[in-house]
Protein backbone atom coordinates (compact mmCIF):
# COMPACT_ATOMS: atom_id res chain seq x y z
CA MET A 1 58.42 130.37 88.61
CA ALA A 2 54.82 131.09 90.39
CA ARG A 3 54.76 128.45 93.33
CA SER A 4 51.48 127.20 94.80
CA ALA A 5 51.01 127.57 98.29
CA LEU A 6 51.68 124.00 99.11
CA LEU A 7 55.11 124.30 97.42
CA ASN A 8 55.89 127.71 99.06
CA VAL A 9 54.88 125.64 102.72
CA MET A 10 57.67 122.87 101.54
CA VAL A 11 60.23 125.22 100.10
CA ASN A 12 59.71 127.26 103.39
CA ALA A 13 60.59 124.38 105.24
CA VAL A 14 63.41 123.23 103.64
CA LEU A 15 64.99 126.44 103.56
CA LYS A 16 64.97 126.71 107.23
CA ALA A 17 66.51 123.50 107.75
CA GLY A 18 68.95 124.20 105.21
CA ARG A 19 70.31 127.10 107.12
CA ALA A 20 70.85 125.13 109.94
CA LEU A 21 72.89 122.42 108.03
CA SER A 22 75.07 124.75 106.13
CA ARG A 23 76.04 125.89 109.61
CA ASP A 24 76.54 122.44 110.85
CA PHE A 25 78.34 121.54 107.54
CA GLY A 26 81.01 124.35 108.15
CA GLU A 27 81.98 122.98 111.66
CA VAL A 28 82.10 119.40 110.19
CA GLU A 29 85.17 120.47 108.12
CA ASN A 30 86.79 122.03 110.97
CA LEU A 31 85.96 118.65 112.59
CA GLN A 32 87.51 116.79 110.04
CA VAL A 33 91.14 116.60 111.79
CA SER A 34 90.04 115.38 115.32
CA LEU A 35 90.77 111.36 116.24
CA LYS A 36 87.20 111.18 117.12
CA GLY A 37 85.81 112.65 114.40
CA PRO A 38 82.24 114.41 113.69
CA GLY A 39 79.90 111.35 113.97
CA ASN A 40 78.12 112.11 117.07
CA PHE A 41 77.87 115.50 115.97
CA VAL A 42 76.45 114.74 112.35
CA SER A 43 73.83 112.58 113.90
CA ALA A 44 72.62 115.55 116.02
CA ALA A 45 72.42 117.78 112.85
CA ASP A 46 70.45 115.41 111.02
CA HIS A 47 67.52 115.04 113.89
CA ARG A 48 67.72 118.80 114.34
CA ALA A 49 67.12 119.14 110.39
CA GLU A 50 63.99 116.62 110.87
CA ASP A 51 62.42 118.32 114.05
CA THR A 52 62.67 121.77 111.85
CA LEU A 53 61.07 120.12 109.32
CA VAL A 54 58.18 118.23 111.12
CA ALA A 55 57.62 121.53 112.91
CA GLU A 56 57.22 123.43 110.25
CA LEU A 57 55.04 121.31 107.90
CA THR A 58 52.91 120.31 110.62
CA LYS A 59 52.34 123.97 111.63
CA ALA A 60 51.37 124.63 107.80
CA ARG A 61 49.59 121.55 107.50
CA PRO A 62 48.29 120.31 110.64
CA GLY A 63 46.99 116.65 110.86
CA TYR A 64 49.06 115.48 107.99
CA SER A 65 50.87 112.14 108.27
CA PHE A 66 54.51 111.60 108.37
CA LEU A 67 57.03 108.86 107.11
CA THR A 68 60.93 110.09 108.11
CA GLU A 69 64.16 108.64 108.13
CA GLU A 70 64.79 109.31 111.82
CA THR A 71 61.50 108.68 113.45
CA GLY A 72 59.57 106.41 111.14
CA VAL A 73 55.74 106.71 111.02
CA ILE A 74 53.74 109.95 112.73
CA GLU A 75 50.21 109.00 112.44
CA GLY A 76 48.12 112.28 111.90
CA THR A 77 44.24 112.80 111.89
CA ASP A 78 44.56 113.27 108.16
CA ARG A 79 45.12 109.82 106.86
CA THR A 80 44.60 110.98 103.16
CA HIS A 81 47.90 112.83 103.63
CA ARG A 82 51.43 111.83 104.30
CA TRP A 83 55.07 113.50 104.09
CA ILE A 84 57.55 111.49 103.27
CA ILE A 85 60.90 113.39 104.38
CA ASP A 86 64.68 112.69 104.41
CA PRO A 87 66.35 115.65 106.60
CA LEU A 88 69.78 114.54 105.46
CA ASP A 89 70.15 112.13 102.39
CA GLY A 90 74.30 111.80 101.74
CA THR A 91 75.03 111.26 105.16
CA THR A 92 78.21 109.99 105.18
CA ASN A 93 79.25 112.67 102.41
CA PHE A 94 78.30 115.15 104.96
CA LEU A 95 80.09 113.44 107.57
CA HIS A 96 83.49 113.79 105.62
CA GLY A 97 82.52 117.29 104.30
CA ILE A 98 81.87 116.43 100.81
CA PRO A 99 78.78 119.09 99.74
CA ILE A 100 76.82 116.60 97.95
CA PHE A 101 73.86 115.73 99.88
CA ALA A 102 70.09 117.08 100.42
CA ILE A 103 67.06 117.53 102.19
CA SER A 104 63.96 115.73 100.29
CA VAL A 105 60.56 116.46 100.99
CA ALA A 106 57.41 115.06 99.27
CA LEU A 107 53.64 114.72 99.56
CA GLU A 108 51.50 111.99 99.18
CA ARG A 109 47.61 112.22 98.57
CA GLU A 110 45.75 109.30 99.17
CA GLY A 111 49.02 106.87 98.18
CA GLN A 112 49.73 109.22 94.97
CA LEU A 113 53.13 111.72 95.20
CA ILE A 114 51.80 115.27 94.37
CA ALA A 115 54.84 117.25 95.04
CA GLY A 116 58.46 117.26 95.73
CA VAL A 117 60.99 119.20 96.65
CA ILE A 118 65.15 118.64 96.82
CA TYR A 119 67.47 121.06 98.36
CA ASN A 120 71.15 121.22 98.37
CA PRO A 121 72.04 124.24 100.55
CA ILE A 122 75.62 124.20 100.00
CA LEU A 123 75.32 124.38 96.19
CA ASN A 124 72.16 126.07 96.62
CA GLU A 125 70.10 124.36 94.19
CA LEU A 126 66.23 123.95 94.79
CA TYR A 127 64.52 121.43 92.85
CA VAL A 128 60.68 121.68 92.88
CA ALA A 129 57.74 119.71 91.47
CA GLU A 130 54.34 119.17 91.51
CA ASN A 131 52.02 117.04 89.84
CA GLY A 132 50.92 118.18 86.51
CA GLN A 133 52.97 121.41 86.61
CA GLY A 134 56.65 120.66 85.70
CA ALA A 135 59.85 120.55 87.32
CA PHE A 136 62.38 123.43 88.11
CA LEU A 137 65.66 124.21 89.39
CA ASN A 138 66.05 127.33 91.13
CA ASP A 139 62.77 129.00 88.64
CA ARG A 140 64.30 127.42 85.80
CA ARG A 141 62.34 124.55 84.02
CA LEU A 142 63.98 121.00 83.86
CA ARG A 143 63.89 118.81 81.10
CA VAL A 144 65.97 115.33 81.21
CA ALA A 145 68.77 114.73 78.92
CA ALA A 146 68.19 113.59 75.35
CA ARG A 147 70.99 111.06 74.68
CA ARG A 148 69.65 107.82 73.44
CA LEU A 149 72.32 105.24 73.39
CA LEU A 150 74.02 103.66 76.40
CA PRO A 151 77.74 104.26 74.91
CA ASP A 152 76.77 108.35 75.23
CA ALA A 153 75.26 107.99 78.87
CA VAL A 154 76.42 108.82 81.87
CA VAL A 155 74.96 106.93 84.68
CA ALA A 156 74.72 107.20 88.39
CA THR A 157 74.35 104.18 90.99
CA GLY A 158 74.54 103.54 94.54
CA ALA A 159 76.34 100.56 96.49
CA PRO A 160 75.11 98.71 99.19
CA ASN A 161 76.44 99.25 102.35
CA VAL A 162 79.77 97.42 103.23
CA ALA A 163 77.87 95.70 106.26
CA GLY A 164 74.88 94.78 104.40
CA ASP A 165 73.82 91.53 102.32
CA ALA A 166 76.58 89.97 100.73
CA GLN A 167 74.37 88.75 98.16
CA ALA A 168 73.27 92.11 97.32
CA ARG A 169 76.86 93.42 97.08
CA ARG A 170 77.84 90.76 94.47
CA ARG A 171 74.62 91.81 92.43
CA PHE A 172 75.94 95.24 92.56
CA THR A 173 79.30 94.50 91.30
CA ALA A 174 77.97 92.62 88.70
CA GLU A 175 75.38 95.34 87.47
CA PHE A 176 78.52 97.86 87.92
CA GLY A 177 80.91 96.12 85.88
CA ASP A 178 78.35 95.33 82.95
CA LEU A 179 76.99 99.03 82.87
CA MET A 180 80.81 100.50 83.11
CA GLY A 181 81.36 98.60 79.99
CA ARG A 182 78.46 100.04 77.90
CA THR A 183 78.26 103.56 78.95
CA ALA A 184 80.19 106.76 78.79
CA ALA A 185 80.53 106.27 82.50
CA VAL A 186 79.30 105.01 85.88
CA ARG A 187 78.77 107.68 88.89
CA ARG A 188 78.56 107.14 92.51
CA CYS A 189 77.92 110.47 94.12
CA GLY A 190 76.54 108.90 97.47
CA ALA A 191 72.73 110.56 97.93
CA ALA A 192 69.82 108.97 95.63
CA ALA A 193 67.96 112.26 96.16
CA VAL A 194 70.76 114.31 94.41
CA ASP A 195 71.21 111.35 91.58
CA LEU A 196 67.39 111.54 90.54
CA ALA A 197 67.50 115.42 90.88
CA TRP A 198 70.50 115.19 88.57
CA VAL A 199 68.58 112.98 86.21
CA ALA A 200 65.94 115.65 86.12
CA SER A 201 68.28 118.35 85.09
CA GLY A 202 70.50 116.19 82.48
CA ARG A 203 73.17 115.69 84.23
CA PHE A 204 72.84 112.26 84.45
CA ASP A 205 71.46 110.27 81.80
CA GLY A 206 70.03 107.65 84.04
CA PHE A 207 70.17 105.98 87.39
CA TRP A 208 69.35 102.85 88.89
CA GLU A 209 69.71 101.34 92.58
CA ARG A 210 68.52 98.78 94.82
CA GLY A 211 67.61 98.70 98.54
CA LEU A 212 66.59 102.18 98.68
CA LYS A 213 63.98 103.54 101.42
CA PRO A 214 60.84 105.47 100.46
CA TRP A 215 62.48 108.68 101.60
CA ASP A 216 65.63 108.30 99.57
CA MET A 217 63.42 108.52 96.17
CA ALA A 218 59.75 110.13 96.75
CA ALA A 219 60.59 113.80 95.87
CA GLY A 220 62.85 112.64 93.18
CA ILE A 221 60.45 110.01 91.64
CA LEU A 222 58.21 113.06 90.73
CA ILE A 223 60.89 115.32 89.94
CA VAL A 224 62.07 113.27 87.32
CA ARG A 225 58.56 112.45 86.00
CA GLU A 226 57.83 116.22 85.65
CA ALA A 227 61.20 117.03 83.65
CA GLY A 228 59.89 114.39 81.40
CA GLY A 229 61.67 111.19 82.41
CA ARG A 230 60.55 107.57 83.20
CA VAL A 231 60.73 106.15 86.53
CA SER A 232 60.31 102.32 87.41
CA GLY A 233 61.24 99.83 89.71
CA THR A 234 63.67 97.16 88.08
CA GLY A 235 61.58 95.15 87.01
CA GLY A 236 59.37 97.67 84.92
CA LYS A 237 56.69 98.46 87.48
CA ASP A 238 55.50 101.37 89.76
CA ASP A 239 56.78 99.69 92.84
CA MET A 240 59.43 101.43 93.77
CA LEU A 241 58.26 102.57 97.18
CA ALA A 242 57.62 99.46 97.93
CA THR A 243 60.46 97.37 96.78
CA GLY A 244 63.32 100.05 97.26
CA ASN A 245 64.65 99.26 93.40
CA ILE A 246 64.45 101.85 91.06
CA ILE A 247 65.56 102.94 87.23
CA ALA A 248 65.26 106.61 85.80
CA GLY A 249 65.83 108.56 82.85
CA ASN A 250 64.62 109.43 79.69
CA GLU A 251 62.37 107.15 77.73
CA ALA A 252 65.27 105.41 75.44
CA ILE A 253 67.78 105.37 78.52
CA HIS A 254 65.32 103.88 81.02
CA GLY A 255 64.44 101.24 78.69
CA LEU A 256 67.96 100.34 77.80
CA LEU A 257 68.94 99.93 81.55
CA LEU A 258 65.67 98.16 82.30
CA THR A 259 66.81 95.57 79.69
CA THR A 260 70.27 95.59 80.13
CA LEU A 261 70.12 95.01 84.40
CA GLY A 262 67.01 92.34 83.58
CA ALA A 263 69.45 90.04 81.48
CA ILE A 264 72.21 90.38 84.39
CA PRO A 265 71.95 87.01 86.31
CA ALA A 266 70.64 87.63 90.21
CA ALA A 267 74.24 86.87 92.40
């Protein structure tokens, strides 16, 4: 595929950050046998990746604002554009030497997502999308899966943190149990950006999760949509970035998940 100048900027930034994360991931695997564990090392790797992304994107597009996982809001002189960045989605996987994590970068223009990139440097999988231009994995055009029935579908989700809200955990348990009985399988990979990328590529038929942050899903939302999928909040509205709740899939699976989850009583 011929990438636009904007996508080239984003891809170059994630590739540079990804090279450092790949080196750090090799060190993490060696640190697994340590009693102290690699926690501090991984936190430093996360911040280094964010610093790299902010520096590279600022150099290419001076003045754009940022919303990042580690730093939060960075106000720029250009208030119409905002980068939404997760330098390491799937930190727990990274911490344990599990190669399912990603760098996620999206760009908003006047509140609308216009470009997204998700990159797993260990699997060497680069997902890109630009509004109206389709979605691609390593230059291969993506389409969401064609399955239309829940019993045939593999769906993904994410679990609330064990230290989080007890009500959220009860709700997740109810939803997980219900969907486990209706689908071919439910998977929990531990990185929402990867889950959404895998919906776009047809590996997963659907995805739902509650309590996410904008940087977890901004790039993935656009990539799924550009692969022909549907994305909404759990109430059916386009409010995912505001509520943190999301459902994604092809037209049929998205609709079935929306109906099914809506019928499960809140805990």
